[in-house]
């Protein structure tokens, strides 16, 4: 499960955080393996900007599910700060913390400057920062001058996230697990995971390729109800592609039917791997995607306006996936 901690129209940030905890507990009860939180900044409908804080909050409210970042946007942070934060989490919740890393800022240019001041990023920075994080989370070496405390020796599992070919190649080169962000950028999904598998080099942490695929899923007792609930996601997607981001909106009957063809096509492209429907349609959709991608894991994204119906959506999806 990937959670952006959506702030709903008419709701508050505190309510969004409470819904995230309830959703994590429900996912845990259904047997989900991970619950990740995404870093975004300066977005009115997303309350997950302080990602490490939320990872700790959710981990403290659950018992066994792995909790992590999907992901920490490394251009926004010094590797030492990330190592200390996630090293602390690993000491608090041993064996339960994941550290997914992205190379996009997850925000606009002005906000990026506010986060990191006037630092100028280059293409070489992300691989160098990932390698530095690995060193800081590894056991302390003789003569090591900078030690993450906490952090050193925790060896928090690193994942590389991406929606392009760059991170796929880097994950392969470093022998790290790879998560493709097909829940919002599916165009290069098959090319990226194919390249990752082809170029993969075994490492001390991973002997063979390991692929996670992001999947938007809205499930309900019937196909018609699922389409109705999915209109909240459709509204969010249209806001993203048109630059008019806002809070998660309540569902609208026949929402897609009222849109111009170009806007319907943009939503369809964005959600090309999405699965929306009743139990049988969801089962068939997930099975087809598993066959097409040979993914080791799916990372579900389920933006349903009604919190209880969101839990029901996850229940149906979990049963459908068997």
C-alpha atoms as a PDB file:
ATOM      1  CA  UNK A   1       0.000   0.000   0.000  1.00  0.00           C
ATOM      2  CA  UNK A   2       1.206   3.493  -0.892  1.00  0.00           C
ATOM      3  CA  UNK A   3      -0.456   6.385   0.905  1.00  0.00           C
ATOM      4  CA  UNK A   4      -0.186  10.054  -0.030  1.00  0.00           C
ATOM      5  CA  UNK A   5      -2.355  10.883   3.020  1.00  0.00           C
ATOM      6  CA  UNK A   6      -4.970  12.732   1.024  1.00  0.00           C
ATOM      7  CA  UNK A   7      -6.700  15.672   2.654  1.00  0.00           C
ATOM      8  CA  UNK A   8     -10.356  15.398   1.688  1.00  0.00           C
ATOM      9  CA  UNK A   9     -12.616  18.254   0.659  1.00  0.00           C
ATOM     10  CA  UNK A  10     -14.295  19.454   3.841  1.00  0.00           C
ATOM     11  CA  UNK A  11     -11.818  17.528   5.994  1.00  0.00           C
ATOM     12  CA  UNK A  12      -8.713  18.451   7.978  1.00  0.00           C
ATOM     13  CA  UNK A  13      -5.081  17.372   8.056  1.00  0.00           C
ATOM     14  CA  UNK A  14      -5.672  15.734  11.440  1.00  0.00           C
ATOM     15  CA  UNK A  15      -8.474  13.660   9.937  1.00  0.00           C
ATOM     16  CA  UNK A  16      -6.240  12.664   7.007  1.00  0.00           C
ATOM     17  CA  UNK A  17      -3.547  11.469   9.416  1.00  0.00           C
ATOM     18  CA  UNK A  18      -6.118   9.481  11.390  1.00  0.00           C
ATOM     19  CA  UNK A  19      -7.400   7.854   8.199  1.00  0.00           C
ATOM     20  CA  UNK A  20      -3.826   6.879   7.298  1.00  0.00           C
ATOM     21  CA  UNK A  21      -3.377   5.084  10.630  1.00  0.00           C
ATOM     22  CA  UNK A  22      -6.713   3.294  10.318  1.00  0.00           C
ATOM     23  CA  UNK A  23      -5.853   2.276   6.766  1.00  0.00           C
ATOM     24  CA  UNK A  24      -2.436   0.960   7.799  1.00  0.00           C
ATOM     25  CA  UNK A  25      -3.967  -1.133  10.558  1.00  0.00           C
ATOM     26  CA  UNK A  26      -6.524  -2.517   8.124  1.00  0.00           C
ATOM     27  CA  UNK A  27      -3.856  -3.304   5.531  1.00  0.00           C
ATOM     28  CA  UNK A  28      -1.886  -5.114   8.222  1.00  0.00           C
ATOM     29  CA  UNK A  29      -4.938  -7.188   9.155  1.00  0.00           C
ATOM     30  CA  UNK A  30      -5.366  -8.151   5.490  1.00  0.00           C
ATOM     31  CA  UNK A  31      -1.784  -9.423   5.242  1.00  0.00           C
ATOM     32  CA  UNK A  32      -0.263  -6.563   3.268  1.00  0.00           C
ATOM     33  CA  UNK A  33       3.536  -6.698   3.439  1.00  0.00           C
ATOM     34  CA  UNK A  34       4.331  -2.958   3.403  1.00  0.00           C
ATOM     35  CA  UNK A  35       2.759   0.420   4.021  1.00  0.00           C
ATOM     36  CA  UNK A  36       4.686   3.240   2.399  1.00  0.00           C
ATOM     37  CA  UNK A  37       4.205   7.000   2.552  1.00  0.00           C
ATOM     38  CA  UNK A  38       5.100   9.423  -0.222  1.00  0.00           C
ATOM     39  CA  UNK A  39       6.971  12.711   0.109  1.00  0.00           C
ATOM     40  CA  UNK A  40       5.354  15.712  -1.575  1.00  0.00           C
ATOM     41  CA  UNK A  41       5.577  19.389  -0.667  1.00  0.00           C
ATOM     42  CA  UNK A  42       3.477  22.516  -1.127  1.00  0.00           C
ATOM     43  CA  UNK A  43       0.422  20.557  -2.273  1.00  0.00           C
ATOM     44  CA  UNK A  44      -2.883  21.416  -0.595  1.00  0.00           C
ATOM     45  CA  UNK A  45      -4.348  17.924  -0.802  1.00  0.00           C
ATOM     46  CA  UNK A  46      -1.380  15.899   0.489  1.00  0.00           C
ATOM     47  CA  UNK A  47      -0.343  15.677   4.149  1.00  0.00           C
ATOM     48  CA  UNK A  48       2.698  13.383   3.894  1.00  0.00           C
ATOM     49  CA  UNK A  49       5.446  16.002   3.508  1.00  0.00           C
ATOM     50  CA  UNK A  50       7.144  15.098   6.842  1.00  0.00           C
ATOM     51  CA  UNK A  51       7.525  11.524   5.633  1.00  0.00           C
ATOM     52  CA  UNK A  52       9.906  10.174   8.277  1.00  0.00           C
ATOM     53  CA  UNK A  53       7.659  11.535  11.035  1.00  0.00           C
ATOM     54  CA  UNK A  54       4.674   9.748   9.514  1.00  0.00           C
ATOM     55  CA  UNK A  55       6.615   6.513   9.041  1.00  0.00           C
ATOM     56  CA  UNK A  56       7.286   6.509  12.780  1.00  0.00           C
ATOM     57  CA  UNK A  57       3.682   7.397  13.596  1.00  0.00           C
ATOM     58  CA  UNK A  58       2.284   4.564  11.465  1.00  0.00           C
ATOM     59  CA  UNK A  59       4.882   2.050  12.640  1.00  0.00           C
ATOM     60  CA  UNK A  60       4.015   2.897  16.239  1.00  0.00           C
ATOM     61  CA  UNK A  61       0.316   2.325  15.545  1.00  0.00           C
ATOM     62  CA  UNK A  62       0.835  -1.099  13.913  1.00  0.00           C
ATOM     63  CA  UNK A  63       2.456  -4.353  14.983  1.00  0.00           C
ATOM     64  CA  UNK A  64       4.200  -6.190  12.177  1.00  0.00           C
ATOM     65  CA  UNK A  65       3.711  -4.587   8.764  1.00  0.00           C
ATOM     66  CA  UNK A  66       6.810  -2.995   7.244  1.00  0.00           C
ATOM     67  CA  UNK A  67       6.512   0.792   7.061  1.00  0.00           C
ATOM     68  CA  UNK A  68       8.602   3.001   4.842  1.00  0.00           C
ATOM     69  CA  UNK A  69       8.958   5.787   2.339  1.00  0.00           C
ATOM     70  CA  UNK A  70       7.721   5.601  -1.178  1.00  0.00           C
ATOM     71  CA  UNK A  71       9.781   7.602  -1.289  1.00  0.00           C
ATOM     72  CA  UNK A  72      12.126  10.054   0.309  1.00  0.00           C
ATOM     73  CA  UNK A  73      13.014  12.535  -2.444  1.00  0.00           C
ATOM     74  CA  UNK A  74      16.763  12.615  -2.044  1.00  0.00           C
ATOM     75  CA  UNK A  75      17.382  15.981  -3.776  1.00  0.00           C
ATOM     76  CA  UNK A  76      15.519  17.576  -0.855  1.00  0.00           C
ATOM     77  CA  UNK A  77      17.743  16.159   1.890  1.00  0.00           C
ATOM     78  CA  UNK A  78      21.347  15.665   2.904  1.00  0.00           C
ATOM     79  CA  UNK A  79      22.074  11.908   3.062  1.00  0.00           C
ATOM     80  CA  UNK A  80      23.300  12.209   6.659  1.00  0.00           C
ATOM     81  CA  UNK A  81      19.948  13.638   7.784  1.00  0.00           C
ATOM     82  CA  UNK A  82      18.091  10.796   6.038  1.00  0.00           C
ATOM     83  CA  UNK A  83      20.428   8.194   7.565  1.00  0.00           C
ATOM     84  CA  UNK A  84      19.913   9.585  11.066  1.00  0.00           C
ATOM     85  CA  UNK A  85      16.119   9.772  10.692  1.00  0.00           C
ATOM     86  CA  UNK A  86      15.678   6.282   9.277  1.00  0.00           C
ATOM     87  CA  UNK A  87      18.402   4.872  11.505  1.00  0.00           C
ATOM     88  CA  UNK A  88      16.402   6.127  14.466  1.00  0.00           C
ATOM     89  CA  UNK A  89      13.245   4.535  13.055  1.00  0.00           C
ATOM     90  CA  UNK A  90      15.092   1.255  12.539  1.00  0.00           C
ATOM     91  CA  UNK A  91      16.197   1.249  16.178  1.00  0.00           C
ATOM     92  CA  UNK A  92      12.632   1.985  17.329  1.00  0.00           C
ATOM     93  CA  UNK A  93      11.025  -0.617  15.036  1.00  0.00           C
ATOM     94  CA  UNK A  94      13.668  -3.270  14.241  1.00  0.00           C
ATOM     95  CA  UNK A  95      13.158  -5.172  11.013  1.00  0.00           C
ATOM     96  CA  UNK A  96      10.146  -3.099   9.968  1.00  0.00           C
ATOM     97  CA  UNK A  97      11.509   0.009   8.213  1.00  0.00           C
ATOM     98  CA  UNK A  98      12.039   0.472   4.450  1.00  0.00           C
ATOM     99  CA  UNK A  99      13.754   3.414   2.773  1.00  0.00           C
ATOM    100  CA  UNK A 100      12.535   4.025  -0.755  1.00  0.00           C
ATOM    101  CA  UNK A 101      14.437   6.765  -2.587  1.00  0.00           C
ATOM    102  CA  UNK A 102      13.439   8.974  -5.494  1.00  0.00           C
ATOM    103  CA  UNK A 103      15.464  11.471  -7.494  1.00  0.00           C
ATOM    104  CA  UNK A 104      12.654  13.917  -8.288  1.00  0.00           C
ATOM    105  CA  UNK A 105      12.037  16.750  -5.838  1.00  0.00           C
ATOM    106  CA  UNK A 106       8.339  15.946  -5.499  1.00  0.00           C
ATOM    107  CA  UNK A 107       7.475  19.623  -5.709  1.00  0.00           C
ATOM    108  CA  UNK A 108       7.955  22.834  -7.696  1.00  0.00           C
ATOM    109  CA  UNK A 109      11.199  24.734  -8.187  1.00  0.00           C
ATOM    110  CA  UNK A 110      10.462  27.458  -5.650  1.00  0.00           C
ATOM    111  CA  UNK A 111       9.646  24.910  -2.948  1.00  0.00           C
ATOM    112  CA  UNK A 112      12.786  22.944  -3.801  1.00  0.00           C
ATOM    113  CA  UNK A 113      14.839  26.077  -3.214  1.00  0.00           C
ATOM    114  CA  UNK A 114      13.056  26.576   0.101  1.00  0.00           C
ATOM    115  CA  UNK A 115      13.956  23.007   1.092  1.00  0.00           C
ATOM    116  CA  UNK A 116      17.594  22.972   0.049  1.00  0.00           C
ATOM    117  CA  UNK A 117      18.247  26.713  -0.457  1.00  0.00           C
ATOM    118  CA  UNK A 118      20.430  27.358  -3.489  1.00  0.00           C
ATOM    119  CA  UNK A 119      21.868  23.891  -4.012  1.00  0.00           C
ATOM    120  CA  UNK A 120      22.064  23.030  -7.722  1.00  0.00           C
ATOM    121  CA  UNK A 121      21.422  19.372  -8.608  1.00  0.00           C
ATOM    122  CA  UNK A 122      23.302  17.470 -11.295  1.00  0.00           C
ATOM    123  CA  UNK A 123      22.614  14.024 -12.741  1.00  0.00           C
ATOM    124  CA  UNK A 124      25.602  12.637 -10.822  1.00  0.00           C
ATOM    125  CA  UNK A 125      24.229  13.687  -7.435  1.00  0.00           C
ATOM    126  CA  UNK A 126      21.603  10.988  -7.001  1.00  0.00           C
ATOM    127  CA  UNK A 127      23.908   7.953  -7.485  1.00  0.00           C
ATOM    128  CA  UNK A 128      26.496   9.591  -5.239  1.00  0.00           C
ATOM    129  CA  UNK A 129      23.914  10.354  -2.542  1.00  0.00           C
ATOM    130  CA  UNK A 130      22.533   6.793  -2.646  1.00  0.00           C
ATOM    131  CA  UNK A 131      26.032   5.381  -2.239  1.00  0.00           C
ATOM    132  CA  UNK A 132      26.681   7.766   0.652  1.00  0.00           C
ATOM    133  CA  UNK A 133      23.468   6.626   2.337  1.00  0.00           C
ATOM    134  CA  UNK A 134      24.556   3.016   1.979  1.00  0.00           C
ATOM    135  CA  UNK A 135      27.856   3.816   3.681  1.00  0.00           C
ATOM    136  CA  UNK A 136      26.186   5.750   6.491  1.00  0.00           C
ATOM    137  CA  UNK A 137      23.757   2.903   7.226  1.00  0.00           C
ATOM    138  CA  UNK A 138      26.467   0.221   7.032  1.00  0.00           C
ATOM    139  CA  UNK A 139      28.684  -0.816   9.964  1.00  0.00           C
ATOM    140  CA  UNK A 140      31.273   1.819  10.841  1.00  0.00           C
ATOM    141  CA  UNK A 141      34.579   1.341   9.039  1.00  0.00           C
ATOM    142  CA  UNK A 142      38.040   2.047  10.513  1.00  0.00           C
ATOM    143  CA  UNK A 143      38.901   5.697  10.064  1.00  0.00           C
ATOM    144  CA  UNK A 144      35.358   6.707   9.115  1.00  0.00           C
ATOM    145  CA  UNK A 145      35.085  10.393  10.021  1.00  0.00           C
ATOM    146  CA  UNK A 146      31.334  10.940   9.644  1.00  0.00           C
ATOM    147  CA  UNK A 147      29.079   8.472  11.450  1.00  0.00           C
ATOM    148  CA  UNK A 148      25.280   8.508  11.435  1.00  0.00           C
ATOM    149  CA  UNK A 149      24.225   8.120  15.045  1.00  0.00           C
ATOM    150  CA  UNK A 150      21.690   6.551  15.087  1.00  0.00           C
ATOM    151  CA  UNK A 151      21.937   4.935  11.686  1.00  0.00           C
ATOM    152  CA  UNK A 152      25.332   3.256  11.433  1.00  0.00           C
ATOM    153  CA  UNK A 153      24.974  -0.511  11.330  1.00  0.00           C
ATOM    154  CA  UNK A 154      21.189  -0.507  10.947  1.00  0.00           C
ATOM    155  CA  UNK A 155      21.440  -1.358   7.232  1.00  0.00           C
ATOM    156  CA  UNK A 156      17.924  -0.131   6.549  1.00  0.00           C
ATOM    157  CA  UNK A 157      16.833  -1.739   3.242  1.00  0.00           C
ATOM    158  CA  UNK A 158      17.108   0.706   0.353  1.00  0.00           C
ATOM    159  CA  UNK A 159      14.790   0.699  -2.653  1.00  0.00           C
ATOM    160  CA  UNK A 160      15.203   2.814  -5.751  1.00  0.00           C
ATOM    161  CA  UNK A 161      12.004   4.300  -7.147  1.00  0.00           C
ATOM    162  CA  UNK A 162      11.509   5.676 -10.604  1.00  0.00           C
ATOM    163  CA  UNK A 163       9.256   6.460 -13.534  1.00  0.00           C
ATOM    164  CA  UNK A 164      12.026   6.567 -16.148  1.00  0.00           C
ATOM    165  CA  UNK A 165      14.969   4.438 -17.255  1.00  0.00           C
ATOM    166  CA  UNK A 166      17.582   6.235 -15.131  1.00  0.00           C
ATOM    167  CA  UNK A 167      16.716   4.705 -11.750  1.00  0.00           C
ATOM    168  CA  UNK A 168      16.102   1.313 -13.365  1.00  0.00           C
ATOM    169  CA  UNK A 169      19.693   1.257 -14.604  1.00  0.00           C
ATOM    170  CA  UNK A 170      21.061   2.559 -11.305  1.00  0.00           C
ATOM    171  CA  UNK A 171      19.134  -0.013  -9.271  1.00  0.00           C
ATOM    172  CA  UNK A 172      20.453  -2.749 -11.565  1.00  0.00           C
ATOM    173  CA  UNK A 173      24.022  -1.474 -11.290  1.00  0.00           C
ATOM    174  CA  UNK A 174      23.849  -1.259  -7.478  1.00  0.00           C
ATOM    175  CA  UNK A 175      21.987  -4.537  -7.026  1.00  0.00           C
ATOM    176  CA  UNK A 176      19.040  -2.920  -5.237  1.00  0.00           C
ATOM    177  CA  UNK A 177      15.301  -3.652  -5.415  1.00  0.00           C
ATOM    178  CA  UNK A 178      13.408  -1.441  -7.841  1.00  0.00           C
ATOM    179  CA  UNK A 179       9.906   0.040  -7.626  1.00  0.00           C
ATOM    180  CA  UNK A 180       8.389   1.518 -10.773  1.00  0.00           C
ATOM    181  CA  UNK A 181       5.901   4.371 -10.322  1.00  0.00           C
ATOM    182  CA  UNK A 182       3.359   3.049 -12.808  1.00  0.00           C
ATOM    183  CA  UNK A 183       0.556   4.281 -10.559  1.00  0.00           C
ATOM    184  CA  UNK A 184       1.077   7.726 -12.105  1.00  0.00           C
ATOM    185  CA  UNK A 185       3.596   7.298 -14.975  1.00  0.00           C
ATOM    186  CA  UNK A 186       2.990   3.929 -16.662  1.00  0.00           C
ATOM    187  CA  UNK A 187       4.379   4.722 -20.117  1.00  0.00           C
ATOM    188  CA  UNK A 188       7.870   3.247 -19.602  1.00  0.00           C
ATOM    189  CA  UNK A 189       6.848   0.443 -17.217  1.00  0.00           C
ATOM    190  CA  UNK A 190       7.767  -2.556 -19.341  1.00  0.00           C
ATOM    191  CA  UNK A 191      10.895  -0.976 -20.818  1.00  0.00           C
ATOM    192  CA  UNK A 192      12.180   0.047 -17.381  1.00  0.00           C
ATOM    193  CA  UNK A 193      11.657  -3.270 -15.612  1.00  0.00           C
ATOM    194  CA  UNK A 194      13.032  -5.128 -18.631  1.00  0.00           C
ATOM    195  CA  UNK A 195      16.187  -3.001 -18.574  1.00  0.00           C
ATOM    196  CA  UNK A 196      16.511  -3.457 -14.802  1.00  0.00           C
ATOM    197  CA  UNK A 197      16.335  -7.239 -15.100  1.00  0.00           C
ATOM    198  CA  UNK A 198      18.708  -7.323 -18.061  1.00  0.00           C
ATOM    199  CA  UNK A 199      21.409  -5.181 -16.405  1.00  0.00           C
ATOM    200  CA  UNK A 200      21.039  -6.435 -12.824  1.00  0.00           C
ATOM    201  CA  UNK A 201      24.242  -7.183 -10.912  1.00  0.00           C
ATOM    202  CA  UNK A 202      23.984  -9.303  -7.738  1.00  0.00           C
ATOM    203  CA  UNK A 203      25.004  -7.472  -4.584  1.00  0.00           C
ATOM    204  CA  UNK A 204      25.465  -8.136  -0.893  1.00  0.00           C
ATOM    205  CA  UNK A 205      21.809  -7.256  -0.312  1.00  0.00           C
ATOM    206  CA  UNK A 206      20.129  -8.847  -3.338  1.00  0.00           C
ATOM    207  CA  UNK A 207      21.106 -11.817  -5.459  1.00  0.00           C
ATOM    208  CA  UNK A 208      18.490 -11.477  -8.205  1.00  0.00           C
ATOM    209  CA  UNK A 209      16.232  -8.705  -9.508  1.00  0.00           C
ATOM    210  CA  UNK A 210      13.257  -7.713  -7.364  1.00  0.00           C
ATOM    211  CA  UNK A 211      10.515  -5.609  -8.922  1.00  0.00           C
ATOM    212  CA  UNK A 212       7.612  -3.724  -7.373  1.00  0.00           C
ATOM    213  CA  UNK A 213       4.935  -2.170  -9.582  1.00  0.00           C
ATOM    214  CA  UNK A 214       2.608   0.655  -8.509  1.00  0.00           C
ATOM    215  CA  UNK A 215      -1.063  -0.030  -9.262  1.00  0.00           C
ATOM    216  CA  UNK A 216      -4.054   2.286  -8.743  1.00  0.00           C
ATOM    217  CA  UNK A 217      -6.914   0.086  -7.497  1.00  0.00           C
ATOM    218  CA  UNK A 218     -10.509   1.012  -6.740  1.00  0.00           C
ATOM    219  CA  UNK A 219     -12.656  -1.985  -5.817  1.00  0.00           C
ATOM    220  CA  UNK A 220     -16.310  -2.198  -4.809  1.00  0.00           C
ATOM    221  CA  UNK A 221     -19.063  -4.814  -4.747  1.00  0.00           C
ATOM    222  CA  UNK A 222     -20.028  -3.939  -8.351  1.00  0.00           C
ATOM    223  CA  UNK A 223     -18.260  -2.513 -11.383  1.00  0.00           C
ATOM    224  CA  UNK A 224     -20.673   0.421 -11.434  1.00  0.00           C
ATOM    225  CA  UNK A 225     -20.030   1.378  -7.821  1.00  0.00           C
ATOM    226  CA  UNK A 226     -16.269   1.107  -8.328  1.00  0.00           C
ATOM    227  CA  UNK A 227     -16.450   3.464 -11.317  1.00  0.00           C
ATOM    228  CA  UNK A 228     -18.435   5.921  -9.221  1.00  0.00           C
ATOM    229  CA  UNK A 229     -15.878   5.806  -6.371  1.00  0.00           C
ATOM    230  CA  UNK A 230     -13.009   6.100  -8.861  1.00  0.00           C
ATOM    231  CA  UNK A 231     -14.309   9.493  -9.974  1.00  0.00           C
ATOM    232  CA  UNK A 232     -12.492  10.978  -6.949  1.00  0.00           C
ATOM    233  CA  UNK A 233      -9.243   9.635  -8.386  1.00  0.00           C
ATOM    234  CA  UNK A 234     -10.184  10.857 -11.867  1.00  0.00           C
ATOM    235  CA  UNK A 235     -10.723  14.360 -10.486  1.00  0.00           C
ATOM    236  CA  UNK A 236      -7.359  14.269  -8.727  1.00  0.00           C
ATOM    237  CA  UNK A 237      -5.588  13.099 -11.892  1.00  0.00           C
ATOM    238  CA  UNK A 238      -7.201  15.812 -13.998  1.00  0.00           C
ATOM    239  CA  UNK A 239      -6.046  18.360 -11.424  1.00  0.00           C
ATOM    240  CA  UNK A 240      -2.485  17.059 -11.715  1.00  0.00           C
ATOM    241  CA  UNK A 241      -2.356  17.092 -15.522  1.00  0.00           C
ATOM    242  CA  UNK A 242      -3.919  20.564 -15.724  1.00  0.00           C
ATOM    243  CA  UNK A 243      -1.876  22.060 -12.870  1.00  0.00           C
ATOM    244  CA  UNK A 244      -4.923  22.631 -10.667  1.00  0.00           C
ATOM    245  CA  UNK A 245      -4.134  20.467  -7.675  1.00  0.00           C
ATOM    246  CA  UNK A 246      -6.475  20.473  -4.733  1.00  0.00           C
ATOM    247  CA  UNK A 247      -8.042  18.330  -2.054  1.00  0.00           C
ATOM    248  CA  UNK A 248      -9.500  14.899  -2.754  1.00  0.00           C
ATOM    249  CA  UNK A 249     -13.037  15.453  -4.005  1.00  0.00           C
ATOM    250  CA  UNK A 250     -16.191  13.423  -3.366  1.00  0.00           C
ATOM    251  CA  UNK A 251     -17.294  11.102  -6.163  1.00  0.00           C
ATOM    252  CA  UNK A 252     -19.439  12.338  -9.039  1.00  0.00           C
ATOM    253  CA  UNK A 253     -21.877  10.195 -11.006  1.00  0.00           C
ATOM    254  CA  UNK A 254     -20.821   9.686 -14.650  1.00  0.00           C
ATOM    255  CA  UNK A 255     -17.830  12.013 -14.176  1.00  0.00           C
ATOM    256  CA  UNK A 256     -15.866  10.816 -17.203  1.00  0.00           C
ATOM    257  CA  UNK A 257     -18.907  11.127 -19.440  1.00  0.00           C
ATOM    258  CA  UNK A 258     -19.035  14.852 -18.825  1.00  0.00           C
ATOM    259  CA  UNK A 259     -15.426  15.504 -19.856  1.00  0.00           C
ATOM    260  CA  UNK A 260     -14.043  16.454 -23.288  1.00  0.00           C
ATOM    261  CA  UNK A 261     -12.292  13.569 -25.115  1.00  0.00           C
ATOM    262  CA  UNK A 262      -8.817  15.068 -24.582  1.00  0.00           C
ATOM    263  CA  UNK A 263      -9.277  15.151 -20.802  1.00  0.00           C
ATOM    264  CA  UNK A 264     -10.659  11.596 -20.735  1.00  0.00           C
ATOM    265  CA  UNK A 265      -7.626  10.469 -22.745  1.00  0.00           C
ATOM    266  CA  UNK A 266      -5.219  12.203 -20.351  1.00  0.00           C
ATOM    267  CA  UNK A 267      -6.807  10.457 -17.361  1.00  0.00           C
ATOM    268  CA  UNK A 268      -6.719   7.110 -19.175  1.00  0.00           C
ATOM    269  CA  UNK A 269      -3.016   7.524 -19.996  1.00  0.00           C
ATOM    270  CA  UNK A 270      -2.192   8.439 -16.392  1.00  0.00           C
ATOM    271  CA  UNK A 271      -4.088   5.408 -15.046  1.00  0.00           C
ATOM    272  CA  UNK A 272      -3.183   2.974 -17.812  1.00  0.00           C
ATOM    273  CA  UNK A 273      -2.350   0.150 -15.375  1.00  0.00           C
ATOM    274  CA  UNK A 274      -5.187   1.015 -12.995  1.00  0.00           C
ATOM    275  CA  UNK A 275      -7.727  -1.604 -11.981  1.00  0.00           C
ATOM    276  CA  UNK A 276     -11.269  -0.421 -11.257  1.00  0.00           C
ATOM    277  CA  UNK A 277     -14.219  -2.704 -10.726  1.00  0.00           C
ATOM    278  CA  UNK A 278     -16.019  -5.350  -8.754  1.00  0.00           C
ATOM    279  CA  UNK A 279     -14.290  -8.461  -7.368  1.00  0.00           C
ATOM    280  CA  UNK A 280     -14.096 -10.369 -10.666  1.00  0.00           C
ATOM    281  CA  UNK A 281     -12.840  -7.426 -12.714  1.00  0.00           C
ATOM    282  CA  UNK A 282     -10.223  -6.653 -10.060  1.00  0.00           C
ATOM    283  CA  UNK A 283      -9.107 -10.285  -9.894  1.00  0.00           C
ATOM    284  CA  UNK A 284      -8.749 -10.449 -13.686  1.00  0.00           C
ATOM    285  CA  UNK A 285      -6.998  -7.086 -13.887  1.00  0.00           C
ATOM    286  CA  UNK A 286      -4.420  -7.891 -11.228  1.00  0.00           C
ATOM    287  CA  UNK A 287      -3.807 -11.344 -12.698  1.00  0.00           C
ATOM    288  CA  UNK A 288      -3.242  -9.877 -16.169  1.00  0.00           C
ATOM    289  CA  UNK A 289      -0.834  -7.276 -14.802  1.00  0.00           C
ATOM    290  CA  UNK A 290       1.057  -9.913 -12.829  1.00  0.00           C
ATOM    291  CA  UNK A 291       1.441 -12.009 -15.962  1.00  0.00           C
ATOM    292  CA  UNK A 292       2.533  -9.036 -18.077  1.00  0.00           C
ATOM    293  CA  UNK A 293       5.103  -7.673 -15.608  1.00  0.00           C
ATOM    294  CA  UNK A 294       6.151 -10.735 -13.563  1.00  0.00           C
ATOM    295  CA  UNK A 295       6.286  -8.300 -10.640  1.00  0.00           C
ATOM    296  CA  UNK A 296       7.408  -9.613  -7.267  1.00  0.00           C
ATOM    297  CA  UNK A 297       5.057  -7.198  -5.506  1.00  0.00           C
ATOM    298  CA  UNK A 298       2.262  -4.797  -6.296  1.00  0.00           C
ATOM    299  CA  UNK A 299       2.134  -1.460  -4.482  1.00  0.00           C
ATOM    300  CA  UNK A 300      -1.528  -0.488  -4.374  1.00  0.00           C
ATOM    301  CA  UNK A 301      -2.756   3.109  -4.387  1.00  0.00           C
ATOM    302  CA  UNK A 302      -6.410   3.521  -3.490  1.00  0.00           C
ATOM    303  CA  UNK A 303      -7.776   7.059  -3.253  1.00  0.00           C
ATOM    304  CA  UNK A 304     -11.405   6.622  -2.188  1.00  0.00           C
ATOM    305  CA  UNK A 305     -13.114   9.656  -0.684  1.00  0.00           C
ATOM    306  CA  UNK A 306     -15.081   7.768   1.967  1.00  0.00           C
ATOM    307  CA  UNK A 307     -12.616   6.305   4.476  1.00  0.00           C
ATOM    308  CA  UNK A 308     -14.736   3.224   5.217  1.00  0.00           C
ATOM    309  CA  UNK A 309     -15.270   2.472   1.539  1.00  0.00           C
ATOM    310  CA  UNK A 310     -11.508   2.778   1.071  1.00  0.00           C
ATOM    311  CA  UNK A 311     -11.015   0.018   3.639  1.00  0.00           C
ATOM    312  CA  UNK A 312     -13.654  -2.052   1.856  1.00  0.00           C
ATOM    313  CA  UNK A 313     -11.837  -1.461  -1.458  1.00  0.00           C
ATOM    314  CA  UNK A 314      -8.628  -2.845   0.015  1.00  0.00           C
ATOM    315  CA  UNK A 315     -10.464  -5.856   1.416  1.00  0.00           C
ATOM    316  CA  UNK A 316     -11.942  -6.712  -1.974  1.00  0.00           C
ATOM    317  CA  UNK A 317      -8.560  -6.195  -3.689  1.00  0.00           C
ATOM    318  CA  UNK A 318      -6.769  -8.411  -1.161  1.00  0.00           C
ATOM    319  CA  UNK A 319      -9.286 -11.218  -1.615  1.00  0.00           C
ATOM    320  CA  UNK A 320      -9.223 -10.843  -5.383  1.00  0.00           C
ATOM    321  CA  UNK A 321      -5.435 -11.121  -5.431  1.00  0.00           C
ATOM    322  CA  UNK A 322      -5.691 -14.337  -3.436  1.00  0.00           C
END
